[in-house]
Amino acid sequence: MELKFDPKNPKYQYITEDSNVEEALEKLEKEPIIAIDTESTGFDPYTCKVLLIQIGTPDFTYIFDTRVLHLKENGRFKALIENP
């Protein structure tokens, strides 16, 4: 599979509004392959917090800011993460 990544023009959306989460999920749920990456305050799952969740397709990346989004309450987001 050929990736369509152009490092001079990365295609991404930084999501800080819950309404934009739903729009991103509409597109991500249709993708046959996604990649997931996280950024956190450290490695200890008991004391550290997840700051960002990046979900990418071969040609686009969504960056979810967990500090301001309500992702724990979003069943669709949870389903996507649990069964990509």
N, C-alpha and C. Protein backbone atom coordinates (compact mmCIF):
# COMPACT_ATOMS: atom_id res chain seq x y z
N MET A 1 0.84 -1.17 0.00
CA MET A 1 0.00 0.00 0.00
C MET A 1 0.89 1.24 0.00
N GLU A 2 0.62 2.13 -0.88
CA GLU A 2 1.39 3.37 -0.99
C GLU A 2 0.76 4.44 -0.09
N LEU A 3 1.58 5.02 0.78
CA LEU A 3 1.10 6.11 1.62
C LEU A 3 1.14 7.41 0.84
N LYS A 4 0.17 8.25 1.08
CA LYS A 4 0.06 9.51 0.35
C LYS A 4 0.51 10.68 1.23
N PHE A 5 1.62 10.50 1.92
CA PHE A 5 2.09 11.51 2.85
C PHE A 5 3.09 12.43 2.18
N ASP A 6 2.83 13.72 2.29
CA ASP A 6 3.74 14.74 1.78
C ASP A 6 4.27 15.51 2.99
N PRO A 7 5.51 15.30 3.42
CA PRO A 7 6.01 15.96 4.63
C PRO A 7 6.00 17.48 4.56
N LYS A 8 5.96 18.03 3.37
CA LYS A 8 5.92 19.49 3.23
C LYS A 8 4.50 20.03 3.40
N ASN A 9 3.52 19.15 3.31
CA ASN A 9 2.12 19.57 3.42
C ASN A 9 1.32 18.48 4.15
N PRO A 10 1.57 18.32 5.45
CA PRO A 10 0.84 17.27 6.18
C PRO A 10 -0.65 17.60 6.25
N LYS A 11 -1.46 16.58 6.10
CA LYS A 11 -2.91 16.76 6.14
C LYS A 11 -3.40 16.24 7.49
N TYR A 12 -3.84 17.17 8.32
CA TYR A 12 -4.35 16.78 9.63
C TYR A 12 -5.39 17.78 10.11
N GLN A 13 -6.16 17.35 11.11
CA GLN A 13 -7.13 18.22 11.76
C GLN A 13 -6.92 18.09 13.26
N TYR A 14 -6.70 19.21 13.94
CA TYR A 14 -6.54 19.25 15.39
C TYR A 14 -7.92 19.48 15.98
N ILE A 15 -8.44 18.51 16.71
CA ILE A 15 -9.83 18.55 17.16
C ILE A 15 -9.91 18.93 18.63
N THR A 16 -10.64 20.02 18.90
CA THR A 16 -10.85 20.50 20.26
C THR A 16 -12.33 20.69 20.58
N GLU A 17 -13.21 20.37 19.65
CA GLU A 17 -14.66 20.52 19.85
C GLU A 17 -15.32 19.15 19.70
N ASP A 18 -16.23 18.81 20.62
CA ASP A 18 -16.90 17.51 20.56
C ASP A 18 -17.68 17.31 19.27
N SER A 19 -18.22 18.37 18.70
CA SER A 19 -18.96 18.23 17.44
C SER A 19 -18.05 17.76 16.30
N ASN A 20 -16.79 18.16 16.34
CA ASN A 20 -15.84 17.73 15.31
C ASN A 20 -15.42 16.27 15.49
N VAL A 21 -15.55 15.74 16.70
CA VAL A 21 -15.25 14.33 16.94
C VAL A 21 -16.20 13.47 16.11
N GLU A 22 -17.48 13.82 16.12
CA GLU A 22 -18.47 13.04 15.38
C GLU A 22 -18.19 13.07 13.88
N GLU A 23 -17.79 14.21 13.37
CA GLU A 23 -17.46 14.32 11.94
C GLU A 23 -16.26 13.44 11.60
N ALA A 24 -15.26 13.43 12.47
CA ALA A 24 -14.08 12.60 12.23
C ALA A 24 -14.44 11.11 12.30
N LEU A 25 -15.28 10.74 13.25
CA LEU A 25 -15.68 9.34 13.38
C LEU A 25 -16.42 8.85 12.14
N GLU A 26 -17.23 9.71 11.56
CA GLU A 26 -17.94 9.34 10.32
C GLU A 26 -16.96 8.85 9.27
N LYS A 27 -15.86 9.54 9.15
CA LYS A 27 -14.85 9.19 8.14
C LYS A 27 -13.99 8.01 8.58
N LEU A 28 -13.58 8.01 9.84
CA LEU A 28 -12.68 6.95 10.33
C LEU A 28 -13.35 5.58 10.34
N GLU A 29 -14.63 5.53 10.64
CA GLU A 29 -15.33 4.25 10.70
C GLU A 29 -15.42 3.57 9.34
N LYS A 30 -15.23 4.32 8.28
CA LYS A 30 -15.29 3.77 6.92
C LYS A 30 -13.94 3.28 6.42
N GLU A 31 -12.88 3.59 7.16
CA GLU A 31 -11.52 3.25 6.72
C GLU A 31 -11.19 1.79 7.03
N PRO A 32 -10.59 1.08 6.08
CA PRO A 32 -10.20 -0.31 6.34
C PRO A 32 -8.97 -0.43 7.25
N ILE A 33 -8.12 0.60 7.25
CA ILE A 33 -6.89 0.58 8.05
C ILE A 33 -6.71 1.95 8.71
N ILE A 34 -6.44 1.93 10.03
CA ILE A 34 -6.10 3.16 10.74
C ILE A 34 -4.89 2.89 11.63
N ALA A 35 -4.20 3.96 11.97
CA ALA A 35 -3.08 3.88 12.91
C ALA A 35 -3.42 4.74 14.12
N ILE A 36 -3.03 4.30 15.30
CA ILE A 36 -3.34 5.03 16.53
C ILE A 36 -2.04 5.30 17.28
N ASP A 37 -1.90 6.55 17.76
CA ASP A 37 -0.73 6.96 18.54
C ASP A 37 -1.23 7.82 19.69
N THR A 38 -0.55 7.79 20.80
CA THR A 38 -0.93 8.61 21.95
C THR A 38 0.27 9.40 22.46
N GLU A 39 -0.04 10.51 23.09
CA GLU A 39 0.96 11.31 23.80
C GLU A 39 0.43 11.47 25.22
N SER A 40 1.31 11.29 26.20
CA SER A 40 0.87 11.38 27.59
C SER A 40 1.92 12.08 28.44
N THR A 41 1.58 12.23 29.71
CA THR A 41 2.51 12.89 30.63
C THR A 41 3.58 11.93 31.14
N GLY A 42 3.49 10.66 30.80
CA GLY A 42 4.48 9.68 31.24
C GLY A 42 4.02 8.26 30.92
N PHE A 43 4.67 7.29 31.54
CA PHE A 43 4.41 5.89 31.23
C PHE A 43 3.56 5.16 32.27
N ASP A 44 3.39 5.71 33.44
CA ASP A 44 2.64 5.03 34.50
C ASP A 44 1.14 5.21 34.27
N PRO A 45 0.40 4.13 34.00
CA PRO A 45 -1.03 4.26 33.71
C PRO A 45 -1.86 4.71 34.92
N TYR A 46 -1.29 4.65 36.12
CA TYR A 46 -2.03 5.04 37.31
C TYR A 46 -1.87 6.52 37.65
N THR A 47 -0.76 7.11 37.26
CA THR A 47 -0.52 8.51 37.64
C THR A 47 -0.44 9.47 36.46
N CYS A 48 -0.25 8.95 35.27
CA CYS A 48 -0.08 9.81 34.09
C CYS A 48 -1.38 9.97 33.33
N LYS A 49 -1.45 11.00 32.53
CA LYS A 49 -2.67 11.30 31.77
C LYS A 49 -2.37 11.33 30.28
N VAL A 50 -3.34 10.86 29.51
CA VAL A 50 -3.25 10.94 28.05
C VAL A 50 -3.58 12.37 27.65
N LEU A 51 -2.75 12.97 26.83
CA LEU A 51 -2.95 14.35 26.39
C LEU A 51 -3.54 14.42 24.99
N LEU A 52 -3.02 13.59 24.10
CA LEU A 52 -3.47 13.59 22.70
C LEU A 52 -3.64 12.16 22.22
N ILE A 53 -4.62 11.95 21.35
CA ILE A 53 -4.76 10.69 20.63
C ILE A 53 -4.78 11.04 19.15
N GLN A 54 -3.83 10.47 18.41
CA GLN A 54 -3.77 10.69 16.97
C GLN A 54 -4.28 9.43 16.29
N ILE A 55 -5.21 9.61 15.36
CA ILE A 55 -5.70 8.48 14.57
C ILE A 55 -5.50 8.86 13.11
N GLY A 56 -4.74 8.03 12.41
CA GLY A 56 -4.40 8.33 11.03
C GLY A 56 -4.90 7.29 10.05
N THR A 57 -5.15 7.76 8.85
CA THR A 57 -5.46 6.91 7.71
C THR A 57 -4.27 7.05 6.76
N PRO A 58 -4.27 6.34 5.65
CA PRO A 58 -3.13 6.50 4.74
C PRO A 58 -2.91 7.93 4.24
N ASP A 59 -3.97 8.78 4.27
CA ASP A 59 -3.76 10.13 3.73
C ASP A 59 -4.26 11.27 4.62
N PHE A 60 -4.68 10.98 5.86
CA PHE A 60 -5.15 12.06 6.74
C PHE A 60 -4.99 11.63 8.19
N THR A 61 -4.74 12.61 9.07
CA THR A 61 -4.61 12.34 10.51
C THR A 61 -5.52 13.26 11.30
N TYR A 62 -6.16 12.69 12.31
CA TYR A 62 -6.98 13.45 13.25
C TYR A 62 -6.26 13.44 14.59
N ILE A 63 -6.11 14.63 15.17
CA ILE A 63 -5.45 14.77 16.47
C ILE A 63 -6.51 15.22 17.47
N PHE A 64 -6.82 14.34 18.42
CA PHE A 64 -7.85 14.61 19.41
C PHE A 64 -7.19 15.09 20.70
N ASP A 65 -7.56 16.29 21.15
CA ASP A 65 -7.01 16.86 22.38
C ASP A 65 -7.87 16.38 23.55
N THR A 66 -7.38 15.39 24.27
CA THR A 66 -8.17 14.78 25.35
C THR A 66 -8.34 15.70 26.56
N ARG A 67 -7.58 16.76 26.62
CA ARG A 67 -7.70 17.69 27.75
C ARG A 67 -8.99 18.48 27.70
N VAL A 68 -9.57 18.64 26.50
CA VAL A 68 -10.79 19.45 26.37
C VAL A 68 -11.98 18.67 25.81
N LEU A 69 -11.75 17.48 25.28
CA LEU A 69 -12.83 16.69 24.70
C LEU A 69 -13.40 15.72 25.74
N HIS A 70 -14.61 15.27 25.47
CA HIS A 70 -15.30 14.31 26.36
C HIS A 70 -15.31 12.94 25.69
N LEU A 71 -14.14 12.37 25.47
CA LEU A 71 -14.03 11.12 24.72
C LEU A 71 -14.46 9.91 25.54
N LYS A 72 -14.31 9.96 26.86
CA LYS A 72 -14.71 8.82 27.70
C LYS A 72 -16.21 8.55 27.60
N GLU A 73 -16.99 9.59 27.36
CA GLU A 73 -18.44 9.45 27.27
C GLU A 73 -18.91 9.13 25.86
N ASN A 74 -18.00 9.09 24.90
CA ASN A 74 -18.36 8.89 23.50
C ASN A 74 -18.24 7.40 23.14
N GLY A 75 -19.37 6.72 23.05
CA GLY A 75 -19.39 5.29 22.76
C GLY A 75 -18.81 4.94 21.40
N ARG A 76 -19.05 5.78 20.42
CA ARG A 76 -18.50 5.53 19.08
C ARG A 76 -16.98 5.59 19.08
N PHE A 77 -16.43 6.58 19.78
CA PHE A 77 -14.97 6.71 19.86
C PHE A 77 -14.38 5.48 20.56
N LYS A 78 -15.00 5.09 21.65
CA LYS A 78 -14.54 3.91 22.40
C LYS A 78 -14.57 2.67 21.52
N ALA A 79 -15.64 2.48 20.76
CA ALA A 79 -15.75 1.31 19.89
C ALA A 79 -14.66 1.31 18.82
N LEU A 80 -14.34 2.47 18.28
CA LEU A 80 -13.30 2.55 17.26
C LEU A 80 -11.93 2.19 17.84
N ILE A 81 -11.64 2.70 19.02
CA ILE A 81 -10.35 2.43 19.66
C ILE A 81 -10.23 0.95 20.06
N GLU A 82 -11.32 0.38 20.54
CA GLU A 82 -11.28 -1.01 20.99
C GLU A 82 -11.21 -2.01 19.84
N ASN A 83 -11.74 -1.62 18.68
CA ASN A 83 -11.77 -2.54 17.55
C ASN A 83 -11.48 -1.79 16.26
N PRO A 84 -10.23 -1.34 16.09
CA PRO A 84 -9.91 -0.56 14.89
C PRO A 84 -9.92 -1.45 13.68
